[in-house]
Amino acid sequence: MSNPASAAIVHLTADFIGASAQQLGDQSLISGILVSAAGASGMKASGSPTVIAHPDGGLSVILPLDGCHMSVHTMPSRELAILDVIALPPHDPQRAFDVIARRLTARSVVTDIRTRG
């Protein structure tokens, strides 16, 4: 019998390169994308998205999830968004990534997936 507590935690990161500067500065859009992505992957938010607006128009949006988190840091001047998703079993961060990739326009996306613990 497998022990769910011993299942691997999955950490997904992605760089959205050549993303729309207009999208990257839109607080409502980025927050909404994170909430939708969490729901699609079955992760339950343990709070509302926290949005930090930076003087250069970039955003840091953090969504706390039960036991983990999802965040996006945007840099409109670089046309770059950096995604960070940590998912506890049995949730799949790839589902969250898929939602975000469909909603953010980017020229290219570089991802990395690692197991933790």
N, C-alpha and C. Protein backbone atom coordinates (compact mmCIF):
# COMPACT_ATOMS: atom_id res chain seq x y z
N MET A 1 0.85 -1.18 0.00
CA MET A 1 0.00 0.00 0.00
C MET A 1 0.89 1.24 0.00
N SER A 2 0.59 2.20 -0.88
CA SER A 2 1.42 3.40 -0.95
C SER A 2 0.96 4.41 0.09
N ASN A 3 1.90 5.19 0.55
CA ASN A 3 1.63 6.21 1.55
C ASN A 3 1.56 7.56 0.84
N PRO A 4 0.36 8.22 0.81
CA PRO A 4 0.24 9.50 0.11
C PRO A 4 1.21 10.55 0.64
N ALA A 5 1.55 10.46 1.92
CA ALA A 5 2.46 11.45 2.50
C ALA A 5 3.87 11.32 1.93
N SER A 6 4.19 10.14 1.38
CA SER A 6 5.52 9.95 0.83
C SER A 6 5.58 10.20 -0.67
N ALA A 7 4.44 10.49 -1.30
CA ALA A 7 4.43 10.79 -2.74
C ALA A 7 5.17 12.10 -2.98
N ALA A 8 5.78 12.19 -4.15
CA ALA A 8 6.61 13.34 -4.48
C ALA A 8 5.80 14.61 -4.66
N ILE A 9 6.36 15.70 -4.20
CA ILE A 9 5.84 17.03 -4.46
C ILE A 9 6.40 17.44 -5.82
N VAL A 10 5.57 18.05 -6.66
CA VAL A 10 6.01 18.42 -8.00
C VAL A 10 6.15 19.94 -8.08
N HIS A 11 7.29 20.39 -8.61
CA HIS A 11 7.59 21.82 -8.75
C HIS A 11 7.76 22.12 -10.24
N LEU A 12 6.88 22.92 -10.77
CA LEU A 12 6.92 23.31 -12.18
C LEU A 12 7.25 24.79 -12.27
N THR A 13 8.20 25.12 -13.13
CA THR A 13 8.49 26.51 -13.43
C THR A 13 8.40 26.70 -14.94
N ALA A 14 8.06 27.91 -15.34
CA ALA A 14 7.98 28.21 -16.77
C ALA A 14 8.31 29.67 -17.01
N ASP A 15 9.04 29.92 -18.08
CA ASP A 15 9.31 31.28 -18.55
C ASP A 15 8.49 31.49 -19.81
N PHE A 16 7.61 32.47 -19.78
CA PHE A 16 6.81 32.85 -20.94
C PHE A 16 7.55 34.03 -21.60
N ILE A 17 8.22 33.76 -22.70
CA ILE A 17 9.10 34.72 -23.34
C ILE A 17 8.38 35.35 -24.54
N GLY A 18 8.47 36.67 -24.65
CA GLY A 18 7.79 37.35 -25.74
C GLY A 18 6.30 37.48 -25.47
N ALA A 19 5.95 37.60 -24.19
CA ALA A 19 4.55 37.74 -23.80
C ALA A 19 4.08 39.18 -24.02
N SER A 20 2.79 39.35 -24.17
CA SER A 20 2.19 40.67 -24.39
C SER A 20 2.38 41.55 -23.16
N ALA A 21 3.04 42.69 -23.35
CA ALA A 21 3.25 43.63 -22.24
C ALA A 21 1.92 44.08 -21.65
N GLN A 22 0.91 44.23 -22.49
CA GLN A 22 -0.41 44.64 -22.00
C GLN A 22 -0.99 43.58 -21.05
N GLN A 23 -0.89 42.31 -21.44
CA GLN A 23 -1.37 41.24 -20.57
C GLN A 23 -0.59 41.20 -19.26
N LEU A 24 0.72 41.37 -19.36
CA LEU A 24 1.58 41.23 -18.19
C LEU A 24 1.35 42.30 -17.13
N GLY A 25 0.77 43.41 -17.50
CA GLY A 25 0.49 44.48 -16.54
C GLY A 25 -0.94 44.47 -16.04
N ASP A 26 -1.74 43.51 -16.46
CA ASP A 26 -3.17 43.46 -16.12
C ASP A 26 -3.38 42.61 -14.86
N GLN A 27 -3.55 43.28 -13.72
CA GLN A 27 -3.70 42.60 -12.44
C GLN A 27 -4.88 41.63 -12.42
N SER A 28 -6.01 42.06 -12.93
CA SER A 28 -7.21 41.20 -12.92
C SER A 28 -7.00 39.97 -13.79
N LEU A 29 -6.39 40.15 -14.94
CA LEU A 29 -6.16 39.03 -15.84
C LEU A 29 -5.23 38.00 -15.21
N ILE A 30 -4.09 38.45 -14.70
CA ILE A 30 -3.10 37.53 -14.12
C ILE A 30 -3.68 36.82 -12.89
N SER A 31 -4.37 37.56 -12.03
CA SER A 31 -5.00 36.94 -10.86
C SER A 31 -6.03 35.91 -11.27
N GLY A 32 -6.86 36.27 -12.24
CA GLY A 32 -7.90 35.35 -12.71
C GLY A 32 -7.33 34.10 -13.34
N ILE A 33 -6.24 34.26 -14.07
CA ILE A 33 -5.58 33.10 -14.68
C ILE A 33 -5.09 32.14 -13.60
N LEU A 34 -4.50 32.66 -12.54
CA LEU A 34 -4.01 31.79 -11.47
C LEU A 34 -5.15 31.05 -10.79
N VAL A 35 -6.24 31.75 -10.51
CA VAL A 35 -7.39 31.11 -9.87
C VAL A 35 -7.95 30.01 -10.77
N SER A 36 -8.08 30.30 -12.07
CA SER A 36 -8.58 29.29 -13.03
C SER A 36 -7.63 28.10 -13.11
N ALA A 37 -6.34 28.37 -13.13
CA ALA A 37 -5.35 27.30 -13.23
C ALA A 37 -5.39 26.39 -12.00
N ALA A 38 -5.52 27.00 -10.83
CA ALA A 38 -5.60 26.19 -9.60
C ALA A 38 -6.84 25.30 -9.64
N GLY A 39 -7.97 25.86 -10.05
CA GLY A 39 -9.19 25.07 -10.13
C GLY A 39 -9.08 23.93 -11.12
N ALA A 40 -8.46 24.17 -12.25
CA ALA A 40 -8.33 23.14 -13.28
C ALA A 40 -7.47 21.97 -12.80
N SER A 41 -6.53 22.26 -11.92
CA SER A 41 -5.66 21.19 -11.43
C SER A 41 -6.18 20.58 -10.12
N GLY A 42 -7.34 21.05 -9.67
CA GLY A 42 -7.93 20.49 -8.46
C GLY A 42 -7.34 21.02 -7.17
N MET A 43 -6.51 22.05 -7.27
CA MET A 43 -5.91 22.61 -6.06
C MET A 43 -6.85 23.65 -5.46
N LYS A 44 -6.95 23.65 -4.15
CA LYS A 44 -7.86 24.56 -3.44
C LYS A 44 -7.09 25.76 -2.92
N ALA A 45 -7.56 26.94 -3.30
CA ALA A 45 -6.93 28.18 -2.81
C ALA A 45 -7.21 28.32 -1.32
N SER A 46 -6.19 28.72 -0.57
CA SER A 46 -6.37 28.95 0.86
C SER A 46 -6.40 30.44 1.16
N GLY A 47 -6.58 31.24 0.11
CA GLY A 47 -6.68 32.68 0.23
C GLY A 47 -6.85 33.28 -1.15
N SER A 48 -7.04 34.57 -1.17
CA SER A 48 -7.16 35.29 -2.44
C SER A 48 -5.76 35.58 -2.99
N PRO A 49 -5.67 35.82 -4.29
CA PRO A 49 -4.36 36.19 -4.83
C PRO A 49 -3.85 37.49 -4.21
N THR A 50 -2.58 37.50 -3.87
CA THR A 50 -1.93 38.71 -3.39
C THR A 50 -1.21 39.32 -4.59
N VAL A 51 -1.49 40.59 -4.85
CA VAL A 51 -0.90 41.26 -6.02
C VAL A 51 0.01 42.38 -5.52
N ILE A 52 1.24 42.34 -5.98
CA ILE A 52 2.19 43.41 -5.70
C ILE A 52 2.51 44.06 -7.05
N ALA A 53 2.14 45.32 -7.18
CA ALA A 53 2.42 46.07 -8.40
C ALA A 53 3.77 46.76 -8.25
N HIS A 54 4.64 46.58 -9.21
CA HIS A 54 5.98 47.17 -9.17
C HIS A 54 6.01 48.47 -9.97
N PRO A 55 6.90 49.40 -9.61
CA PRO A 55 6.96 50.70 -10.29
C PRO A 55 7.15 50.61 -11.81
N ASP A 56 7.78 49.54 -12.29
CA ASP A 56 8.03 49.40 -13.73
C ASP A 56 6.84 48.81 -14.48
N GLY A 57 5.71 48.60 -13.78
CA GLY A 57 4.52 48.04 -14.41
C GLY A 57 4.41 46.53 -14.27
N GLY A 58 5.44 45.91 -13.73
CA GLY A 58 5.42 44.47 -13.52
C GLY A 58 4.59 44.12 -12.29
N LEU A 59 4.27 42.84 -12.19
CA LEU A 59 3.46 42.34 -11.09
C LEU A 59 4.11 41.11 -10.48
N SER A 60 3.85 40.92 -9.20
CA SER A 60 4.10 39.64 -8.52
C SER A 60 2.74 39.24 -7.97
N VAL A 61 2.24 38.11 -8.45
CA VAL A 61 0.93 37.63 -8.03
C VAL A 61 1.12 36.25 -7.42
N ILE A 62 0.72 36.13 -6.15
CA ILE A 62 0.92 34.89 -5.41
C ILE A 62 -0.44 34.38 -4.97
N LEU A 63 -0.71 33.11 -5.27
CA LEU A 63 -1.95 32.47 -4.85
C LEU A 63 -1.59 31.36 -3.87
N PRO A 64 -1.94 31.53 -2.58
CA PRO A 64 -1.66 30.45 -1.63
C PRO A 64 -2.64 29.30 -1.85
N LEU A 65 -2.11 28.10 -1.86
CA LEU A 65 -2.91 26.90 -2.02
C LEU A 65 -2.69 26.03 -0.80
N ASP A 66 -3.59 25.11 -0.54
CA ASP A 66 -3.42 24.23 0.62
C ASP A 66 -2.07 23.52 0.56
N GLY A 67 -1.16 23.95 1.43
CA GLY A 67 0.14 23.32 1.54
C GLY A 67 1.15 23.70 0.49
N CYS A 68 0.81 24.59 -0.42
CA CYS A 68 1.74 24.96 -1.49
C CYS A 68 1.38 26.34 -2.03
N HIS A 69 1.82 26.65 -3.25
CA HIS A 69 1.50 27.96 -3.81
C HIS A 69 1.65 27.94 -5.33
N MET A 70 1.15 29.01 -5.94
CA MET A 70 1.34 29.27 -7.35
C MET A 70 1.64 30.76 -7.45
N SER A 71 2.62 31.13 -8.26
CA SER A 71 2.93 32.54 -8.41
C SER A 71 3.35 32.85 -9.85
N VAL A 72 3.13 34.11 -10.22
CA VAL A 72 3.59 34.63 -11.50
C VAL A 72 4.25 35.97 -11.24
N HIS A 73 5.43 36.15 -11.80
CA HIS A 73 6.13 37.42 -11.75
C HIS A 73 6.22 37.92 -13.18
N THR A 74 5.72 39.13 -13.42
CA THR A 74 5.71 39.66 -14.78
C THR A 74 6.68 40.83 -14.92
N MET A 75 7.27 40.93 -16.08
CA MET A 75 8.19 42.01 -16.43
C MET A 75 7.82 42.50 -17.83
N PRO A 76 6.83 43.39 -17.91
CA PRO A 76 6.37 43.85 -19.22
C PRO A 76 7.47 44.42 -20.10
N SER A 77 8.42 45.15 -19.53
CA SER A 77 9.49 45.74 -20.34
C SER A 77 10.38 44.68 -21.00
N ARG A 78 10.42 43.49 -20.41
CA ARG A 78 11.19 42.37 -20.97
C ARG A 78 10.29 41.39 -21.72
N GLU A 79 8.98 41.66 -21.71
CA GLU A 79 7.99 40.75 -22.30
C GLU A 79 8.16 39.34 -21.72
N LEU A 80 8.25 39.27 -20.38
CA LEU A 80 8.56 38.02 -19.69
C LEU A 80 7.61 37.81 -18.50
N ALA A 81 7.14 36.59 -18.38
CA ALA A 81 6.41 36.17 -17.19
C ALA A 81 7.06 34.89 -16.69
N ILE A 82 7.27 34.80 -15.39
CA ILE A 82 7.88 33.63 -14.78
C ILE A 82 6.84 32.99 -13.85
N LEU A 83 6.53 31.74 -14.14
CA LEU A 83 5.54 30.97 -13.38
C LEU A 83 6.24 30.02 -12.44
N ASP A 84 5.68 29.87 -11.24
CA ASP A 84 6.19 28.94 -10.24
C ASP A 84 4.98 28.22 -9.64
N VAL A 85 4.93 26.90 -9.76
CA VAL A 85 3.83 26.11 -9.19
C VAL A 85 4.42 24.97 -8.38
N ILE A 86 4.01 24.89 -7.13
CA ILE A 86 4.37 23.74 -6.30
C ILE A 86 3.06 23.03 -5.98
N ALA A 87 3.00 21.74 -6.32
CA ALA A 87 1.77 20.97 -6.17
C ALA A 87 2.00 19.74 -5.30
N LEU A 88 1.13 19.57 -4.35
CA LEU A 88 1.15 18.37 -3.51
C LEU A 88 0.35 17.26 -4.19
N PRO A 89 0.73 16.01 -3.95
CA PRO A 89 -0.04 14.90 -4.52
C PRO A 89 -1.48 14.96 -4.02
N PRO A 90 -2.45 14.62 -4.81
CA PRO A 90 -2.37 14.00 -6.13
C PRO A 90 -2.48 15.02 -7.26
N HIS A 91 -2.29 16.28 -6.97
CA HIS A 91 -2.52 17.34 -7.97
C HIS A 91 -1.38 17.41 -9.00
N ASP A 92 -1.76 17.76 -10.22
CA ASP A 92 -0.81 17.80 -11.33
C ASP A 92 -0.61 19.25 -11.77
N PRO A 93 0.57 19.82 -11.55
CA PRO A 93 0.79 21.21 -11.95
C PRO A 93 0.75 21.41 -13.46
N GLN A 94 0.90 20.33 -14.21
CA GLN A 94 0.84 20.44 -15.67
C GLN A 94 -0.53 20.96 -16.11
N ARG A 95 -1.58 20.56 -15.41
CA ARG A 95 -2.92 21.06 -15.73
C ARG A 95 -3.01 22.57 -15.50
N ALA A 96 -2.40 23.03 -14.42
CA ALA A 96 -2.38 24.47 -14.16
C ALA A 96 -1.60 25.18 -15.25
N PHE A 97 -0.45 24.63 -15.61
CA PHE A 97 0.37 25.22 -16.67
C PHE A 97 -0.42 25.31 -17.99
N ASP A 98 -1.15 24.25 -18.32
CA ASP A 98 -1.90 24.23 -19.58
C ASP A 98 -2.91 25.37 -19.65
N VAL A 99 -3.58 25.65 -18.53
CA VAL A 99 -4.54 26.77 -18.50
C VAL A 99 -3.82 28.09 -18.73
N ILE A 100 -2.72 28.28 -18.05
CA ILE A 100 -1.96 29.53 -18.16
C ILE A 100 -1.41 29.70 -19.57
N ALA A 101 -0.89 28.61 -20.15
CA ALA A 101 -0.31 28.68 -21.50
C ALA A 101 -1.37 29.02 -22.55
N ARG A 102 -2.60 28.60 -22.32
CA ARG A 102 -3.67 28.95 -23.26
C ARG A 102 -4.09 30.40 -23.14
N ARG A 103 -3.93 30.99 -21.97
CA ARG A 103 -4.42 32.35 -21.73
C ARG A 103 -3.38 33.44 -21.93
N LEU A 104 -2.10 33.12 -21.73
CA LEU A 104 -1.03 34.11 -21.93
C LEU A 104 -0.45 33.94 -23.33
N THR A 105 -0.39 35.02 -24.05
CA THR A 105 0.22 35.00 -25.37
C THR A 105 1.73 35.14 -25.21
N ALA A 106 2.47 34.16 -25.72
CA ALA A 106 3.93 34.23 -25.63
C ALA A 106 4.55 33.67 -26.91
N ARG A 107 5.69 34.20 -27.27
CA ARG A 107 6.42 33.72 -28.45
C ARG A 107 6.98 32.32 -28.21
N SER A 108 7.47 32.09 -26.98
CA SER A 108 7.98 30.76 -26.62
C SER A 108 7.83 30.56 -25.12
N VAL A 109 7.85 29.30 -24.73
CA VAL A 109 7.72 28.94 -23.31
C VAL A 109 8.77 27.88 -23.00
N VAL A 110 9.51 28.10 -21.92
CA VAL A 110 10.49 27.15 -21.45
C VAL A 110 10.03 26.65 -20.09
N THR A 111 9.90 25.33 -19.94
CA THR A 111 9.42 24.77 -18.69
C THR A 111 10.46 23.85 -18.06
N ASP A 112 10.29 23.66 -16.78
CA ASP A 112 11.11 22.72 -16.01
C ASP A 112 10.21 22.10 -14.95
N ILE A 113 10.29 20.79 -14.82
CA ILE A 113 9.50 20.09 -13.79
C ILE A 113 10.46 19.25 -12.97
N ARG A 114 10.34 19.41 -11.65
CA ARG A 114 11.21 18.66 -10.73
C ARG A 114 10.35 18.06 -9.62
N THR A 115 10.81 16.97 -9.08
CA THR A 115 10.15 16.41 -7.90
C THR A 115 10.92 16.89 -6.68
N ARG A 116 10.19 17.10 -5.63
CA ARG A 116 10.78 17.57 -4.37
C ARG A 116 10.42 16.57 -3.27
N GLY A 117 11.30 16.46 -2.32
CA GLY A 117 11.01 15.66 -1.12
C GLY A 117 11.07 14.20 -1.27
